[in-house]
Protein backbone atom coordinates (compact mmCIF):
# COMPACT_ATOMS: atom_id res chain seq x y z
CA MET A 1 184.00 -60.01 64.74
CA LYS A 2 186.31 -58.54 62.10
CA LYS A 3 186.63 -54.81 61.54
CA ILE A 4 184.99 -53.58 58.35
CA ARG A 5 186.59 -50.73 56.42
CA LEU A 6 184.92 -48.61 53.78
CA ILE A 7 187.16 -47.92 50.78
CA ILE A 8 186.06 -45.21 48.36
CA ASN A 9 187.71 -44.61 44.96
CA ASN A 10 190.17 -47.44 45.40
CA ASN A 11 191.21 -47.07 41.73
CA ILE A 12 192.90 -43.73 42.45
CA LYS A 13 196.51 -44.05 43.53
CA LYS A 14 197.55 -42.63 46.87
CA GLY A 15 198.47 -38.94 46.58
CA GLU A 16 196.76 -38.57 43.20
CA ARG A 17 193.74 -36.29 43.00
CA GLU A 18 190.65 -36.95 40.96
CA LYS A 19 190.55 -34.58 38.00
CA PHE A 20 187.34 -32.64 37.42
CA PHE A 21 185.88 -29.15 37.77
CA ILE A 22 186.09 -27.91 41.35
CA LYS A 23 182.98 -26.59 43.08
CA LYS A 24 183.65 -22.89 42.33
CA GLU A 25 184.32 -23.58 38.65
CA LEU A 26 181.22 -25.71 38.29
CA GLN A 27 179.07 -23.11 40.03
CA CYS A 28 180.38 -20.39 37.71
CA ILE A 29 179.62 -22.52 34.64
CA LEU A 30 176.15 -23.49 35.87
CA ASN A 31 175.32 -19.83 36.62
CA LEU A 32 176.19 -19.00 33.01
CA TYR A 33 174.17 -22.00 31.83
CA ALA A 34 171.11 -20.88 33.82
CA ARG A 35 171.39 -17.37 32.37
CA MET A 36 171.61 -18.69 28.81
CA VAL A 37 168.73 -21.17 29.30
CA SER A 38 166.49 -18.38 30.58
CA ASN A 39 167.59 -16.36 27.54
CA GLY A 40 166.48 -19.24 25.30
CA SER A 41 169.90 -19.80 23.68
CA TRP A 42 170.95 -23.07 25.29
CA LYS A 43 168.80 -26.14 25.82
CA ASP A 44 170.92 -29.00 27.16
CA TYR A 45 174.39 -29.83 28.50
CA SER A 46 176.71 -32.73 29.20
CA PHE A 47 180.22 -33.41 30.45
CA SER A 48 183.00 -35.14 28.58
CA CYS A 49 186.32 -36.28 29.97
CA CYS A 50 189.63 -37.49 28.64
CA THR A 51 193.15 -37.61 30.05
CA LYS A 52 194.08 -34.10 28.88
CA GLU A 53 190.85 -32.13 29.35
CA ILE A 54 187.40 -31.97 30.85
CA SER A 55 184.64 -30.09 29.09
CA PHE A 56 181.17 -28.77 29.72
CA ASP A 57 179.35 -29.31 26.43
CA VAL A 58 176.43 -27.08 25.43
CA TYR A 59 173.67 -28.15 23.06
CA GLN A 60 171.18 -25.95 21.26
CA ARG A 61 168.91 -28.95 20.82
CA THR A 62 169.32 -32.55 21.82
CA SER A 63 171.68 -33.59 19.08
CA GLU A 64 174.74 -35.67 18.48
CA GLN A 65 177.31 -32.88 18.59
CA PRO A 66 177.69 -29.99 21.07
CA VAL A 67 177.68 -26.47 19.65
CA LEU A 68 180.02 -25.05 22.33
CA ARG A 69 182.48 -26.49 24.83
CA ILE A 70 183.84 -24.82 27.95
CA THR A 71 187.03 -26.76 28.58
CA LYS A 72 189.49 -27.12 31.44
CA ASN A 73 192.91 -28.19 30.19
CA LEU A 74 194.50 -30.56 32.73
CA LYS A 75 197.98 -30.37 31.18
CA PRO A 76 198.38 -26.84 29.77
CA SER A 77 201.56 -25.91 27.90
CA TYR A 78 201.13 -22.23 28.79
CA LEU A 79 199.35 -20.54 31.68
CA ASN A 80 196.78 -18.82 29.45
CA GLU A 81 195.68 -22.19 28.04
CA LYS A 82 194.12 -23.43 31.30
CA TYR A 83 190.51 -22.71 30.24
CA PHE A 84 189.09 -22.20 26.76
CA VAL A 85 185.91 -22.17 24.72
CA LYS A 86 185.67 -24.28 21.56
CA ASP A 87 183.08 -24.23 18.83
CA LYS A 88 181.48 -27.36 17.38
CA ASN A 89 184.39 -27.89 14.97
CA GLY A 90 186.98 -27.82 17.78
CA LYS A 91 188.30 -24.32 16.95
CA VAL A 92 189.34 -22.35 20.03
CA ILE A 93 187.24 -19.18 20.27
CA GLN A 94 188.58 -17.76 23.54
CA LYS A 95 191.17 -18.82 26.12
CA SER A 96 192.21 -17.61 29.56
CA GLU A 97 194.05 -18.55 32.71
CA SER A 98 190.96 -17.97 34.85
CA LEU A 99 187.48 -19.36 34.31
CA ASN A 100 185.83 -16.23 35.71
CA GLN A 101 187.75 -14.02 33.28
CA LEU A 102 186.90 -16.36 30.41
CA ILE A 103 183.19 -16.21 31.15
CA ASP A 104 183.23 -12.44 31.73
CA LYS A 105 185.18 -11.46 28.61
CA THR A 106 183.30 -13.76 26.21
CA SER A 107 180.20 -12.13 24.74
CA TRP A 108 177.89 -15.14 24.87
CA ASN A 109 174.91 -13.39 23.30
CA ARG A 110 176.94 -12.49 20.20
CA LEU A 111 178.07 -16.08 19.60
CA LYS A 112 175.89 -17.57 16.90
CA LEU A 113 175.05 -21.19 17.47
CA ILE A 114 175.24 -22.78 14.03
CA LYS A 115 173.37 -25.99 13.30
């Protein structure tokens, strides 16, 4: 009988890591999300990925366009551009080198979600 091997993520090259939010980052974002949902400000979320960034998209209602994006820049030019918050037009509202600092120094209740 031949030996059977299980191969997982065979599309990723050897030595290359899969790019996404790590567990601590995701937990920090989901804690914020839970707080804002209980507040009644946020209703839904999604993730979007591209080669340069990964974002946690926030929706006020189920709609076509997110009203806020918490983004992790995979190829930052400067250290303080690692994490940032964008509005629905793509304008950077806040940026930081640490996700915890970004979430703490942004006043989420003062941000007006515009339809």
